[in-house]
Amino acid sequence: MQTHTDALKHLLIKGKHCADDAMKLAMSDTDDKPYVTLNYVSQCLSYVNAARSIYYSNLNDHENEDIEQLFILFDRFVDEIMDSYETDHSKQHTLIYFQNMKDLYSTLFPS
């Protein structure tokens, strides 16, 4: 049986992989299908929100400020990538938010 901590980690890993895929497509020269990129963003958000639900439902078991900060960075990344498509502006800030999220993720879950 999977523990809450295992489920939380699994969902954050899945969310990170979807964020990686979204960013790879967003930064490609052939990003002619933004709906595919935004689908990855949606999947990322779903995984992260499921992880957030597990985290806050079991806060006494694993309260961690870095995990809470990771949720914030995922949210900033999602908001920024969606805004970049809505306003058709440079993805420079998206890349910054993605890198910040990726750095903290790597600290929490070293490979």
C-alpha atoms as a PDB file:
ATOM      1  CA  MET A   1       0.000   0.000   0.000  1.00  0.00           C
ATOM      2  CA  GLN A   2       1.263   3.454  -0.922  1.00  0.00           C
ATOM      3  CA  THR A   3       1.822   5.955   1.904  1.00  0.00           C
ATOM      4  CA  HIS A   4       0.724   9.584   1.762  1.00  0.00           C
ATOM      5  CA  THR A   5       4.356  10.608   1.370  1.00  0.00           C
ATOM      6  CA  ASP A   6       4.865   8.176  -1.523  1.00  0.00           C
ATOM      7  CA  ALA A   7       1.702   9.410  -3.238  1.00  0.00           C
ATOM      8  CA  LEU A   8       2.739  13.031  -2.745  1.00  0.00           C
ATOM      9  CA  LYS A   9       6.180  12.388  -4.218  1.00  0.00           C
ATOM     10  CA  HIS A  10       4.744  10.383  -7.138  1.00  0.00           C
ATOM     11  CA  LEU A  11       2.282  13.150  -8.038  1.00  0.00           C
ATOM     12  CA  LEU A  12       4.953  15.849  -7.837  1.00  0.00           C
ATOM     13  CA  ILE A  13       7.231  13.792 -10.074  1.00  0.00           C
ATOM     14  CA  LYS A  14       4.419  13.369 -12.618  1.00  0.00           C
ATOM     15  CA  GLY A  15       3.656  17.104 -12.414  1.00  0.00           C
ATOM     16  CA  LYS A  16       7.305  17.958 -12.988  1.00  0.00           C
ATOM     17  CA  HIS A  17       7.483  15.682 -16.046  1.00  0.00           C
ATOM     18  CA  CYS A  18       4.418  17.385 -17.539  1.00  0.00           C
ATOM     19  CA  ALA A  19       5.962  20.805 -16.801  1.00  0.00           C
ATOM     20  CA  ASP A  20       9.156  19.647 -18.562  1.00  0.00           C
ATOM     21  CA  ASP A  21       7.160  18.570 -21.611  1.00  0.00           C
ATOM     22  CA  ALA A  22       5.187  21.819 -21.662  1.00  0.00           C
ATOM     23  CA  MET A  23       8.313  23.934 -21.408  1.00  0.00           C
ATOM     24  CA  LYS A  24      10.103  21.930 -24.086  1.00  0.00           C
ATOM     25  CA  LEU A  25       7.224  22.535 -26.499  1.00  0.00           C
ATOM     26  CA  ALA A  26       6.783  26.168 -25.480  1.00  0.00           C
ATOM     27  CA  MET A  27      10.441  26.934 -26.155  1.00  0.00           C
ATOM     28  CA  SER A  28      10.664  24.999 -29.428  1.00  0.00           C
ATOM     29  CA  ASP A  29      10.895  26.808 -32.743  1.00  0.00           C
ATOM     30  CA  THR A  30       7.939  24.815 -34.049  1.00  0.00           C
ATOM     31  CA  ASP A  31       5.391  25.570 -31.354  1.00  0.00           C
ATOM     32  CA  ASP A  32       2.550  25.626 -33.874  1.00  0.00           C
ATOM     33  CA  LYS A  33       0.169  23.687 -31.603  1.00  0.00           C
ATOM     34  CA  PRO A  34      -0.127  25.680 -28.375  1.00  0.00           C
ATOM     35  CA  TYR A  35      -3.089  23.559 -27.294  1.00  0.00           C
ATOM     36  CA  VAL A  36      -0.718  20.581 -26.914  1.00  0.00           C
ATOM     37  CA  THR A  37       1.565  22.659 -24.693  1.00  0.00           C
ATOM     38  CA  LEU A  38      -1.390  23.881 -22.667  1.00  0.00           C
ATOM     39  CA  ASN A  39      -2.638  20.303 -22.326  1.00  0.00           C
ATOM     40  CA  TYR A  40       0.672  19.419 -20.657  1.00  0.00           C
ATOM     41  CA  VAL A  41       0.230  22.473 -18.421  1.00  0.00           C
ATOM     42  CA  SER A  42      -3.246  21.261 -17.499  1.00  0.00           C
ATOM     43  CA  GLN A  43      -1.918  17.807 -16.662  1.00  0.00           C
ATOM     44  CA  CYS A  44       0.859  19.371 -14.591  1.00  0.00           C
ATOM     45  CA  LEU A  45      -1.672  21.421 -12.653  1.00  0.00           C
ATOM     46  CA  SER A  46      -3.871  18.371 -12.066  1.00  0.00           C
ATOM     47  CA  TYR A  47      -1.006  16.351 -10.615  1.00  0.00           C
ATOM     48  CA  VAL A  48       0.222  19.225  -8.475  1.00  0.00           C
ATOM     49  CA  ASN A  49      -3.270  19.997  -7.172  1.00  0.00           C
ATOM     50  CA  ALA A  50      -3.759  16.327  -6.267  1.00  0.00           C
ATOM     51  CA  ALA A  51      -0.416  16.442  -4.428  1.00  0.00           C
ATOM     52  CA  ARG A  52      -1.478  19.663  -2.718  1.00  0.00           C
ATOM     53  CA  SER A  53      -4.687  17.990  -1.531  1.00  0.00           C
ATOM     54  CA  ILE A  54      -2.750  15.068  -0.073  1.00  0.00           C
ATOM     55  CA  TYR A  55      -0.217  17.407   1.511  1.00  0.00           C
ATOM     56  CA  TYR A  56      -2.749  19.672   3.242  1.00  0.00           C
ATOM     57  CA  SER A  57      -4.970  16.735   4.240  1.00  0.00           C
ATOM     58  CA  ASN A  58      -2.015  15.168   6.053  1.00  0.00           C
ATOM     59  CA  LEU A  59      -0.150  18.263   7.166  1.00  0.00           C
ATOM     60  CA  ASN A  60       0.746  16.812  10.567  1.00  0.00           C
ATOM     61  CA  ASP A  61       2.560  13.917   8.866  1.00  0.00           C
ATOM     62  CA  HIS A  62       4.884  15.901   6.626  1.00  0.00           C
ATOM     63  CA  GLU A  63       4.744  19.669   7.002  1.00  0.00           C
ATOM     64  CA  ASN A  64       7.552  21.107   4.907  1.00  0.00           C
ATOM     65  CA  GLU A  65       8.042  24.742   3.889  1.00  0.00           C
ATOM     66  CA  ASP A  66       9.977  23.683   0.786  1.00  0.00           C
ATOM     67  CA  ILE A  67       7.013  21.616  -0.452  1.00  0.00           C
ATOM     68  CA  GLU A  68       4.738  24.610   0.120  1.00  0.00           C
ATOM     69  CA  GLN A  69       7.192  26.802  -1.795  1.00  0.00           C
ATOM     70  CA  LEU A  70       7.243  24.229  -4.602  1.00  0.00           C
ATOM     71  CA  PHE A  71       3.456  24.495  -4.891  1.00  0.00           C
ATOM     72  CA  ILE A  72       3.812  28.272  -5.198  1.00  0.00           C
ATOM     73  CA  LEU A  73       6.495  27.922  -7.888  1.00  0.00           C
ATOM     74  CA  PHE A  74       4.393  25.425  -9.857  1.00  0.00           C
ATOM     75  CA  ASP A  75       1.487  27.897  -9.715  1.00  0.00           C
ATOM     76  CA  ARG A  76       3.685  30.778 -10.906  1.00  0.00           C
ATOM     77  CA  PHE A  77       4.992  28.665 -13.783  1.00  0.00           C
ATOM     78  CA  VAL A  78       1.469  27.660 -14.830  1.00  0.00           C
ATOM     79  CA  ASP A  79       0.161  31.232 -14.585  1.00  0.00           C
ATOM     80  CA  GLU A  80       3.097  32.616 -16.563  1.00  0.00           C
ATOM     81  CA  ILE A  81       3.003  30.070 -19.372  1.00  0.00           C
ATOM     82  CA  MET A  82      -0.740  30.560 -19.788  1.00  0.00           C
ATOM     83  CA  ASP A  83      -0.322  34.349 -19.785  1.00  0.00           C
ATOM     84  CA  SER A  84       2.440  34.100 -22.390  1.00  0.00           C
ATOM     85  CA  TYR A  85       0.075  32.301 -24.755  1.00  0.00           C
ATOM     86  CA  GLU A  86      -2.859  34.571 -23.994  1.00  0.00           C
ATOM     87  CA  THR A  87      -0.890  37.758 -24.629  1.00  0.00           C
ATOM     88  CA  ASP A  88       1.500  36.296 -27.218  1.00  0.00           C
ATOM     89  CA  HIS A  89       4.544  37.646 -25.392  1.00  0.00           C
ATOM     90  CA  SER A  90       8.051  36.349 -24.872  1.00  0.00           C
ATOM     91  CA  LYS A  91       8.461  33.268 -22.756  1.00  0.00           C
ATOM     92  CA  GLN A  92      11.492  34.725 -20.976  1.00  0.00           C
ATOM     93  CA  HIS A  93       9.639  35.040 -17.651  1.00  0.00           C
ATOM     94  CA  THR A  94       8.130  31.594 -18.149  1.00  0.00           C
ATOM     95  CA  LEU A  95      11.644  30.194 -18.432  1.00  0.00           C
ATOM     96  CA  ILE A  96      12.707  31.984 -15.229  1.00  0.00           C
ATOM     97  CA  TYR A  97       9.725  30.635 -13.266  1.00  0.00           C
ATOM     98  CA  PHE A  98      10.289  27.176 -14.711  1.00  0.00           C
ATOM     99  CA  GLN A  99      13.959  27.217 -13.712  1.00  0.00           C
ATOM    100  CA  ASN A 100      13.120  28.361 -10.164  1.00  0.00           C
ATOM    101  CA  MET A 101      10.592  25.544  -9.829  1.00  0.00           C
ATOM    102  CA  LYS A 102      13.015  23.033 -11.327  1.00  0.00           C
ATOM    103  CA  ASP A 103      15.829  24.090  -8.982  1.00  0.00           C
ATOM    104  CA  LEU A 104      13.743  23.621  -5.842  1.00  0.00           C
ATOM    105  CA  TYR A 105      12.315  20.370  -7.209  1.00  0.00           C
ATOM    106  CA  SER A 106      15.863  19.063  -7.761  1.00  0.00           C
ATOM    107  CA  THR A 107      16.785  19.969  -4.195  1.00  0.00           C
ATOM    108  CA  LEU A 108      13.759  18.120  -2.812  1.00  0.00           C
ATOM    109  CA  PHE A 109      13.986  15.116  -5.147  1.00  0.00           C
ATOM    110  CA  PRO A 110      17.585  14.617  -6.233  1.00  0.00           C
ATOM    111  CA  SER A 111      17.936  12.093  -9.026  1.00  0.00           C
END
